[in-house]
Protein backbone atom coordinates (compact mmCIF):
# COMPACT_ATOMS: atom_id res chain seq x y z
CA UNK A 1 15.78 -95.86 31.94
CA UNK A 2 19.06 -94.06 32.56
CA UNK A 3 19.71 -90.39 33.31
CA UNK A 4 20.76 -89.96 29.67
CA UNK A 5 17.43 -91.39 28.51
CA UNK A 6 15.61 -88.90 30.70
CA UNK A 7 17.71 -86.04 29.31
CA UNK A 8 16.92 -87.24 25.78
CA UNK A 9 13.21 -87.17 26.59
CA UNK A 10 13.47 -83.54 27.68
CA UNK A 11 15.51 -82.67 24.59
CA UNK A 12 12.93 -84.35 22.34
CA UNK A 13 10.18 -82.29 23.97
CA UNK A 14 12.18 -79.10 23.48
CA UNK A 15 12.84 -79.97 19.84
CA UNK A 16 9.14 -80.48 19.12
CA UNK A 17 8.33 -77.12 20.69
CA UNK A 18 11.11 -75.48 18.66
CA UNK A 19 9.55 -76.90 15.50
CA UNK A 20 6.23 -75.38 16.55
CA UNK A 21 7.90 -71.99 17.04
CA UNK A 22 9.37 -72.15 13.54
CA UNK A 23 6.03 -72.93 11.88
CA UNK A 24 2.69 -71.14 11.83
CA UNK A 25 0.84 -73.30 14.36
CA UNK A 26 0.83 -70.52 16.96
CA UNK A 27 -1.16 -68.29 14.64
CA UNK A 28 -4.02 -70.76 14.96
CA UNK A 29 -4.04 -70.18 18.73
CA UNK A 30 -4.55 -66.45 18.22
CA UNK A 31 -7.42 -67.13 15.81
CA UNK A 32 -8.96 -69.59 18.26
CA UNK A 33 -8.54 -67.13 21.11
CA UNK A 34 -10.28 -64.33 19.25
CA UNK A 35 -13.17 -66.63 18.36
CA UNK A 36 -13.51 -67.83 21.95
CA UNK A 37 -13.51 -64.26 23.28
CA UNK A 38 -16.25 -63.32 20.83
CA UNK A 39 -18.29 -66.41 21.73
CA UNK A 40 -18.03 -65.71 25.47
CA UNK A 41 -19.07 -62.09 24.93
CA UNK A 42 -22.12 -63.36 23.06
CA UNK A 43 -23.20 -65.57 25.96
CA UNK A 44 -21.82 -68.82 24.59
CA UNK A 45 -19.49 -71.37 26.12
CA UNK A 46 -16.44 -73.51 25.49
CA UNK A 47 -16.76 -77.31 25.27
CA UNK A 48 -13.71 -79.59 25.46
CA UNK A 49 -13.21 -83.32 24.98
CA UNK A 50 -10.49 -85.93 24.61
CA UNK A 51 -9.54 -89.47 25.59
CA UNK A 52 -7.15 -90.64 28.29
CA UNK A 53 -4.50 -87.99 28.90
CA UNK A 54 -6.32 -85.73 26.47
CA UNK A 55 -9.50 -86.07 28.54
CA UNK A 56 -7.43 -84.95 31.53
CA UNK A 57 -6.16 -81.99 29.49
CA UNK A 58 -9.75 -81.08 28.58
CA UNK A 59 -10.75 -81.14 32.25
CA UNK A 60 -7.61 -79.23 33.24
CA UNK A 61 -8.28 -76.41 30.77
CA UNK A 62 -11.99 -76.22 31.63
CA UNK A 63 -11.05 -75.86 35.29
CA UNK A 64 -8.66 -73.01 34.44
CA UNK A 65 -11.59 -71.15 32.89
CA UNK A 66 -14.23 -71.98 35.49
CA UNK A 67 -12.09 -71.29 38.55
CA UNK A 68 -8.88 -69.33 38.07
CA UNK A 69 -5.90 -69.50 35.75
CA UNK A 70 -3.42 -67.12 37.41
CA UNK A 71 -3.52 -66.06 41.08
CA UNK A 72 -3.04 -62.38 40.21
CA UNK A 73 -6.20 -62.43 38.10
CA UNK A 74 -8.90 -63.05 40.67
CA UNK A 75 -11.88 -62.87 38.35
CA UNK A 76 -15.28 -64.41 37.78
CA UNK A 77 -15.56 -67.74 36.01
CA UNK A 78 -15.58 -68.22 32.25
CA UNK A 79 -18.13 -70.80 30.98
CA UNK A 80 -16.37 -74.00 29.94
CA UNK A 81 -17.44 -77.65 30.14
CA UNK A 82 -15.26 -80.75 29.86
CA UNK A 83 -17.48 -83.35 28.19
CA UNK A 84 -16.00 -86.28 30.14
CA UNK A 85 -18.70 -85.40 32.62
CA UNK A 86 -18.76 -88.05 35.33
CA UNK A 87 -18.42 -91.79 35.74
CA UNK A 88 -22.19 -92.36 35.73
CA UNK A 89 -22.69 -90.60 32.40
CA UNK A 90 -19.59 -92.15 30.84
CA UNK A 91 -20.34 -95.72 31.92
CA UNK A 92 -24.06 -95.47 31.15
CA UNK A 93 -23.33 -94.33 27.62
CA UNK A 94 -20.58 -96.92 27.20
CA UNK A 95 -22.89 -99.68 28.41
CA UNK A 96 -26.05 -98.60 26.59
CA UNK A 97 -24.77 -97.12 23.34
CA UNK A 98 -20.96 -97.45 23.21
CA UNK A 99 -18.19 -95.01 23.96
CA UNK A 100 -17.95 -93.84 20.36
CA UNK A 101 -21.16 -91.83 20.75
CA UNK A 102 -20.43 -90.35 24.22
CA UNK A 103 -19.21 -86.92 23.12
CA UNK A 104 -21.62 -86.79 20.21
CA UNK A 105 -24.53 -87.14 22.65
CA UNK A 106 -23.02 -84.50 24.92
CA UNK A 107 -22.78 -82.05 22.02
CA UNK A 108 -26.40 -82.63 21.00
CA UNK A 109 -27.52 -82.32 24.64
CA UNK A 110 -25.39 -79.40 25.85
CA UNK A 111 -24.15 -77.56 22.77
CA UNK A 112 -25.91 -74.65 21.16
CA UNK A 113 -25.25 -72.53 18.09
CA UNK A 114 -22.35 -70.18 18.72
CA UNK A 115 -20.57 -72.42 21.23
CA UNK A 116 -17.05 -73.62 20.55
CA UNK A 117 -15.74 -77.19 20.76
CA UNK A 118 -12.08 -78.02 21.29
CA UNK A 119 -11.51 -81.67 20.37
CA UNK A 120 -8.17 -83.02 21.60
CA UNK A 121 -6.79 -86.11 19.83
CA UNK A 122 -3.12 -86.96 19.43
CA UNK A 123 -3.79 -89.19 16.42
CA UNK A 124 -6.45 -87.01 14.86
CA UNK A 125 -8.45 -90.19 14.30
CA UNK A 126 -10.29 -90.89 17.56
CA UNK A 127 -13.77 -92.00 16.53
CA UNK A 128 -15.62 -90.38 19.42
CA UNK A 129 -13.85 -87.05 18.77
CA UNK A 130 -14.63 -87.21 15.06
CA UNK A 131 -18.30 -87.90 15.85
CA UNK A 132 -18.33 -85.01 18.30
CA UNK A 133 -16.89 -82.70 15.64
CA UNK A 134 -19.53 -83.83 13.15
CA UNK A 135 -22.29 -83.25 15.70
CA UNK A 136 -20.84 -79.82 16.43
CA UNK A 137 -20.91 -78.89 12.75
CA UNK A 138 -24.55 -79.96 12.54
CA UNK A 139 -25.34 -77.93 15.68
CA UNK A 140 -23.56 -74.80 14.39
CA UNK A 141 -20.90 -75.17 17.10
CA UNK A 142 -17.49 -74.00 15.88
CA UNK A 143 -14.86 -76.77 15.84
CA UNK A 144 -11.25 -76.36 16.95
CA UNK A 145 -8.74 -79.20 17.13
CA UNK A 146 -5.65 -79.87 19.20
CA UNK A 147 -4.09 -82.58 17.06
CA UNK A 148 -0.90 -84.51 16.25
CA UNK A 149 0.28 -86.90 13.54
CA UNK A 150 -0.37 -84.35 10.76
CA UNK A 151 -3.94 -83.91 11.96
CA UNK A 152 -5.44 -87.24 10.89
CA UNK A 153 -9.05 -87.28 9.74
CA UNK A 154 -9.93 -84.52 12.23
CA UNK A 155 -7.98 -81.84 10.37
CA UNK A 156 -10.65 -81.59 7.67
CA UNK A 157 -13.41 -81.12 10.26
CA UNK A 158 -11.78 -78.23 12.09
CA UNK A 159 -12.41 -74.53 11.59
CA UNK A 160 -9.01 -74.00 13.23
CA UNK A 161 -6.41 -76.56 14.30
CA UNK A 162 -3.24 -76.59 16.36
CA UNK A 163 -1.21 -79.51 15.00
CA UNK A 164 1.89 -80.74 16.81
CA UNK A 165 4.59 -81.92 14.35
CA UNK A 166 5.17 -85.30 16.02
CA UNK A 167 3.84 -88.84 16.11
CA UNK A 168 4.97 -89.44 19.70
CA UNK A 169 1.94 -89.33 22.01
CA UNK A 170 3.87 -88.00 24.99
CA UNK A 171 5.50 -85.18 23.03
CA UNK A 172 2.17 -84.25 21.45
CA UNK A 173 0.40 -84.10 24.81
CA UNK A 174 3.19 -81.98 26.31
CA UNK A 175 2.77 -79.47 23.50
CA UNK A 176 -1.01 -79.59 23.77
CA UNK A 177 -1.05 -78.55 27.42
CA UNK A 178 1.48 -75.77 26.74
CA UNK A 179 -0.68 -74.54 23.87
CA UNK A 180 -3.80 -74.92 26.00
CA UNK A 181 -2.36 -72.75 28.75
CA UNK A 182 -1.25 -70.17 26.20
CA UNK A 183 -4.72 -70.13 24.64
CA UNK A 184 -6.54 -69.78 27.97
CA UNK A 185 -4.20 -67.00 29.09
CA UNK A 186 -4.83 -65.20 25.80
CA UNK A 187 -8.59 -65.50 26.28
CA UNK A 188 -8.40 -64.33 29.88
CA UNK A 189 -6.18 -61.37 28.97
CA UNK A 190 -8.49 -60.27 26.17
CA UNK A 191 -11.63 -60.53 28.31
CA UNK A 192 -9.96 -58.51 31.08
CA UNK A 193 -8.66 -55.91 28.63
CA UNK A 194 -12.10 -55.22 27.15
CA UNK A 195 -13.62 -55.04 30.63
CA UNK A 196 -15.84 -58.08 30.20
CA UNK A 197 -14.64 -59.90 33.33
CA UNK A 198 -15.37 -58.60 36.81
CA UNK A 199 -12.13 -58.53 38.79
CA UNK A 200 -12.10 -59.08 42.54
CA UNK A 201 -9.51 -57.97 45.07
CA UNK A 202 -7.11 -60.71 46.17
């Protein structure tokens, strides 16, 4: 890969984000944020899941809620769980039942009515994410999607969806983590503004 190829990669990423800015995808983040704030106020939690890089994004965003998102906001934790729990749970489920049911089982075990699930899938067609969304619907857990490729089969299962206008996995994931940070900052700001979060001195 040459320097020009690397520049092209950056330009492609910028172009995808520009397309997002010109559409209405960002409005879905505000809707998601308001729903998450309401759920947290009501004693519920955020659940997140994905595969591969999207699993890492789910863990990343859960950590931002549980620990701290911005150093200037030294606040208490916000309840969030990444459903790629640990290697023992993942491998036990994969060995005993198959990976397709991993997140579904986590939803039935950990989810409760009023919680919110964010399913992250670049294709919109990941079987274990689709099964998790179905389980969430049955458990009265609200379903949000971070998707790509026009949303795939997941789009019809989501109460709200942020869809990246690309079929390139890398570009979709780059936009997902940007959107994820924006969403978590929105939630944090709203919870601070209404006085829900206890702030500590740095």
